[in-house]
Amino acid sequence: MSKKSRKKSSKTPSGGRTAKKKAPKTRASTQTKSAKTQRRATSKSTRTVEKAASHKAASKRLNSSKLASAPAERALTEGQKAPDFRLPRDGGGVATLSDYEGRKLVLFFYPRADTPGCTREAIDFTRLADAFTQAGTAVLGISADPIKAQEKFRDKHKLGVPLISDETHEMLEAYGAWGEKSMYGKTFLGILRTTVLVGTDGRVAKIWRNVRVDGHADAVLAAATSL
């Protein structure tokens, strides 16, 4: 065999050995990637389970909150003593139940200032303000809006009835105007459009729940006049 042939022959085994050395590295790299993929899948699965568990716990907390508030929706009944209150009102100062002692009093609870239904309702009570006065009846509007929002609402629509702010929901709950509501398939806690007529004896004479705005103020005036 010539010297050139021997050199070529010696390179071939060497090349084969080089190929054999690279092969294990390739397998190791594939195993490492596979292990990382498995860890990612396991981590993602764990996060999904944890997220589902967290969502379930949040739902339970919301349900508990709803159940706790449910009795408040029907706590007040006609003939009961009207719950006392002391809350800030538009223009400064506070409004209390004792301020209207010996007079008939209408309390209309509305969900939110300057929304279509609440605006129409407040305007209707303003329109009948003089008639309520002649019937010896005071009128107060209550929502959870802050005082600044109430004053902006009053000025924008030239409302003539005092507006009370109950941001803590204490009065709303006491008068049964805070509870479960539903919209677009979702259930949540909020203000239930409610009106309460208190007689001169300080007791609840009539309660309107789930109020429909159209004609409501006129119906309340009729009830106050006949009381």
Protein backbone atom coordinates (compact mmCIF):
# COMPACT_ATOMS: atom_id res chain seq x y z
CA MET A 1 0.00 0.00 0.00
CA SER A 2 1.38 3.46 -0.91
CA LYS A 3 2.03 6.14 1.70
CA LYS A 4 -0.81 8.29 0.29
CA SER A 5 -3.29 5.42 0.62
CA ARG A 6 -2.28 4.78 4.21
CA LYS A 7 -2.78 8.47 5.09
CA LYS A 8 -6.29 8.52 3.57
CA SER A 9 -7.16 5.31 5.34
CA SER A 10 -6.00 6.68 8.68
CA LYS A 11 -8.21 9.79 8.30
CA THR A 12 -11.37 7.79 7.78
CA PRO A 13 -11.40 6.04 11.19
CA SER A 14 -10.45 9.32 12.76
CA GLY A 15 -13.43 10.99 11.07
CA GLY A 16 -15.62 8.14 12.30
CA ARG A 17 -14.45 8.62 15.84
CA THR A 18 -15.19 12.34 15.61
CA ALA A 19 -18.72 11.60 14.46
CA LYS A 20 -19.23 9.19 17.35
CA LYS A 21 -18.12 11.83 19.86
CA LYS A 22 -20.61 14.40 18.49
CA ALA A 23 -23.54 12.01 18.59
CA PRO A 24 -23.75 11.77 22.41
CA LYS A 25 -23.74 15.60 22.62
CA THR A 26 -26.70 15.72 20.26
CA ARG A 27 -28.60 13.17 22.33
CA ALA A 28 -27.77 15.05 25.54
CA SER A 29 -29.00 18.31 24.00
CA THR A 30 -32.26 16.64 22.93
CA GLN A 31 -32.75 15.19 26.41
CA THR A 32 -32.13 18.60 28.02
CA LYS A 33 -34.69 20.30 25.74
CA SER A 34 -37.18 17.54 26.45
CA ALA A 35 -36.69 17.95 30.19
CA LYS A 36 -37.17 21.75 29.93
CA THR A 37 -40.35 21.26 27.89
CA GLN A 38 -41.71 18.87 30.51
CA ARG A 39 -40.87 21.32 33.32
CA ARG A 40 -42.63 24.15 31.45
CA ALA A 41 -45.70 21.98 30.87
CA THR A 42 -45.76 20.95 34.53
CA SER A 43 -45.33 24.57 35.68
CA LYS A 44 -48.10 25.76 33.35
CA SER A 45 -50.39 22.99 34.56
CA THR A 46 -49.67 23.91 38.18
CA ARG A 47 -50.40 27.58 37.51
CA THR A 48 -53.68 26.66 35.79
CA VAL A 49 -54.76 24.57 38.78
CA GLU A 50 -53.76 27.34 41.21
CA LYS A 51 -55.63 29.94 39.15
CA ALA A 52 -58.75 27.78 39.07
CA ALA A 53 -58.53 27.26 42.83
CA SER A 54 -58.11 31.01 43.38
CA HIS A 55 -61.12 31.79 41.16
CA LYS A 56 -63.21 29.23 43.04
CA ALA A 57 -62.20 30.78 46.38
CA ALA A 58 -63.07 34.28 45.11
CA SER A 59 -66.48 33.04 43.99
CA LYS A 60 -67.10 31.57 47.43
CA ARG A 61 -66.15 34.87 49.07
CA LEU A 62 -68.53 36.75 46.74
CA ASN A 63 -71.33 34.27 47.44
CA SER A 64 -70.77 34.65 51.18
CA SER A 65 -70.94 38.41 50.81
CA LYS A 66 -74.19 38.12 48.88
CA LEU A 67 -75.72 35.82 51.45
CA ALA A 68 -74.70 38.13 54.25
CA SER A 69 -76.37 41.09 52.56
CA ALA A 70 -79.53 39.31 51.42
CA PRO A 71 -81.53 39.78 54.66
CA ALA A 72 -80.99 43.55 54.46
CA GLU A 73 -83.09 43.70 51.29
CA ARG A 74 -86.28 42.88 53.26
CA ALA A 75 -85.24 43.97 56.75
CA LEU A 76 -87.51 47.01 56.89
CA THR A 77 -91.27 46.58 56.86
CA GLU A 78 -94.21 48.95 56.94
CA GLY A 79 -95.23 49.91 60.48
CA GLN A 80 -91.69 49.71 61.87
CA LYS A 81 -89.88 52.65 63.39
CA ALA A 82 -87.85 54.39 60.69
CA PRO A 83 -84.11 53.77 61.23
CA ASP A 84 -82.18 56.81 62.39
CA PHE A 85 -79.54 58.35 60.15
CA ARG A 86 -77.01 61.18 60.17
CA LEU A 87 -75.31 61.82 56.84
CA PRO A 88 -73.71 64.68 54.89
CA ARG A 89 -75.87 66.48 52.37
CA ASP A 90 -75.32 68.77 49.41
CA GLY A 91 -74.53 72.37 50.27
CA GLY A 92 -72.78 71.39 53.49
CA GLY A 93 -74.05 70.28 56.86
CA VAL A 94 -75.76 67.02 57.70
CA ALA A 95 -79.25 65.57 57.46
CA THR A 96 -80.78 63.53 60.28
CA LEU A 97 -84.09 61.81 60.84
CA SER A 98 -84.76 64.03 63.84
CA ASP A 99 -84.63 67.10 61.57
CA TYR A 100 -88.03 66.00 60.22
CA GLU A 101 -89.68 64.98 63.46
CA GLY A 102 -93.45 65.53 63.35
CA ARG A 103 -93.43 65.79 59.55
CA LYS A 104 -94.01 63.30 56.79
CA LEU A 105 -90.82 62.38 54.97
CA VAL A 106 -90.11 60.77 51.60
CA LEU A 107 -86.75 59.06 51.13
CA PHE A 108 -86.01 58.03 47.57
CA PHE A 109 -82.91 55.90 47.09
CA TYR A 110 -81.38 55.98 43.62
CA PRO A 111 -78.42 53.96 42.22
CA ARG A 112 -76.20 56.67 40.78
CA ALA A 113 -76.24 60.42 40.23
CA ASP A 114 -76.63 61.75 36.71
CA THR A 115 -77.63 58.46 35.10
CA PRO A 116 -80.77 58.50 32.90
CA GLY A 117 -83.28 56.84 35.26
CA CYS A 118 -81.99 58.58 38.38
CA THR A 119 -82.03 61.94 36.63
CA ARG A 120 -85.65 61.54 35.54
CA GLU A 121 -86.66 60.47 39.03
CA ALA A 122 -84.92 63.41 40.73
CA ILE A 123 -86.41 65.85 38.21
CA ASP A 124 -89.91 64.45 38.83
CA PHE A 125 -89.59 64.91 42.60
CA THR A 126 -88.29 68.45 41.99
CA ARG A 127 -91.26 69.18 39.73
CA LEU A 128 -93.61 68.17 42.55
CA ALA A 129 -91.64 69.85 45.35
CA ASP A 130 -94.28 72.53 46.02
CA ALA A 131 -97.07 69.93 46.05
CA PHE A 132 -95.14 67.84 48.60
CA THR A 133 -94.65 70.94 50.75
CA GLN A 134 -98.41 71.63 50.67
CA ALA A 135 -98.95 68.02 51.78
CA GLY A 136 -96.65 68.64 54.77
CA THR A 137 -94.04 66.26 53.37
CA ALA A 138 -90.28 66.70 53.01
CA VAL A 139 -88.33 64.87 50.29
CA LEU A 140 -84.73 63.62 50.40
CA GLY A 141 -82.74 61.82 47.70
CA ILE A 142 -80.06 59.32 48.79
CA SER A 143 -77.29 57.48 46.94
CA ALA A 144 -73.73 56.34 47.62
CA ASP A 145 -72.24 59.12 45.48
CA PRO A 146 -69.79 61.50 47.20
CA ILE A 147 -71.04 64.99 48.04
CA LYS A 148 -69.20 66.63 45.13
CA ALA A 149 -70.94 64.30 42.68
CA GLN A 150 -74.31 65.05 44.31
CA GLU A 151 -73.75 68.79 44.04
CA LYS A 152 -72.70 68.51 40.41
CA PHE A 153 -75.84 66.44 39.77
CA ARG A 154 -77.99 69.05 41.53
CA ASP A 155 -76.50 72.00 39.64
CA LYS A 156 -76.56 70.34 36.22
CA HIS A 157 -80.27 69.52 36.41
CA LYS A 158 -81.38 72.34 38.74
CA LEU A 159 -82.73 69.90 41.31
CA GLY A 160 -84.82 71.29 44.16
CA VAL A 161 -84.63 68.44 46.66
CA PRO A 162 -81.80 67.86 49.18
CA LEU A 163 -79.39 65.06 48.25
CA ILE A 164 -77.69 62.86 50.86
CA SER A 165 -74.46 60.93 50.48
CA ASP A 166 -74.24 57.47 52.07
CA GLU A 167 -70.82 56.19 50.97
CA THR A 168 -70.68 53.65 53.82
CA HIS A 169 -74.05 52.12 52.80
CA GLU A 170 -75.26 52.08 56.44
CA MET A 171 -78.50 53.92 55.74
CA LEU A 172 -78.98 52.06 52.45
CA GLU A 173 -78.76 48.73 54.26
CA ALA A 174 -80.96 49.86 57.15
CA TYR A 175 -83.74 50.89 54.74
CA GLY A 176 -83.40 47.77 52.57
CA ALA A 177 -82.05 49.69 49.58
CA TRP A 178 -78.80 47.73 49.28
CA GLY A 179 -78.66 44.19 47.92
CA GLU A 180 -78.18 41.85 44.98
CA LYS A 181 -78.63 43.15 41.46
CA SER A 182 -78.05 41.56 38.07
CA MET A 183 -77.02 43.00 34.74
CA TYR A 184 -75.88 41.30 31.52
CA GLY A 185 -75.92 37.94 33.28
CA LYS A 186 -73.71 39.09 36.17
CA THR A 187 -74.82 39.38 39.80
CA PHE A 188 -73.39 42.07 42.09
CA LEU A 189 -74.22 44.18 45.13
CA GLY A 190 -75.60 47.67 44.64
CA ILE A 191 -78.34 50.18 45.36
CA LEU A 192 -81.89 48.96 44.78
CA ARG A 193 -84.15 51.74 43.58
CA THR A 194 -86.42 52.11 46.61
CA THR A 195 -88.68 54.78 48.12
CA VAL A 196 -89.82 54.96 51.74
CA LEU A 197 -92.60 57.16 53.11
CA VAL A 198 -92.29 57.94 56.82
CA GLY A 199 -95.35 59.19 58.69
CA THR A 200 -95.56 61.97 61.27
CA ASP A 201 -95.24 59.32 63.99
CA GLY A 202 -91.80 58.37 62.75
CA ARG A 203 -92.93 54.98 61.47
CA VAL A 204 -92.69 53.59 57.95
CA ALA A 205 -96.04 54.17 56.26
CA LYS A 206 -95.24 52.71 52.83
CA ILE A 207 -92.33 51.15 50.94
CA TRP A 208 -91.89 50.99 47.15
CA ARG A 209 -89.31 48.45 46.00
CA ASN A 210 -87.87 47.87 42.51
CA VAL A 211 -89.23 51.26 41.53
CA ARG A 212 -90.17 52.07 37.96
CA VAL A 213 -89.42 55.75 37.44
CA ASP A 214 -92.28 56.75 35.14
CA GLY A 215 -95.16 58.11 37.23
CA HIS A 216 -93.49 57.09 40.50
CA ALA A 217 -93.14 60.57 42.04
CA ASP A 218 -96.83 61.25 41.38
CA ALA A 219 -97.81 57.98 43.08
CA VAL A 220 -95.70 58.86 46.13
CA LEU A 221 -97.29 62.31 46.31
CA ALA A 222 -100.74 60.74 46.25
CA ALA A 223 -99.79 58.40 49.08
CA ALA A 224 -98.29 61.24 51.16
CA THR A 225 -101.34 63.43 50.61
CA SER A 226 -103.73 60.71 51.77
CA LEU A 227 -101.63 59.82 54.84
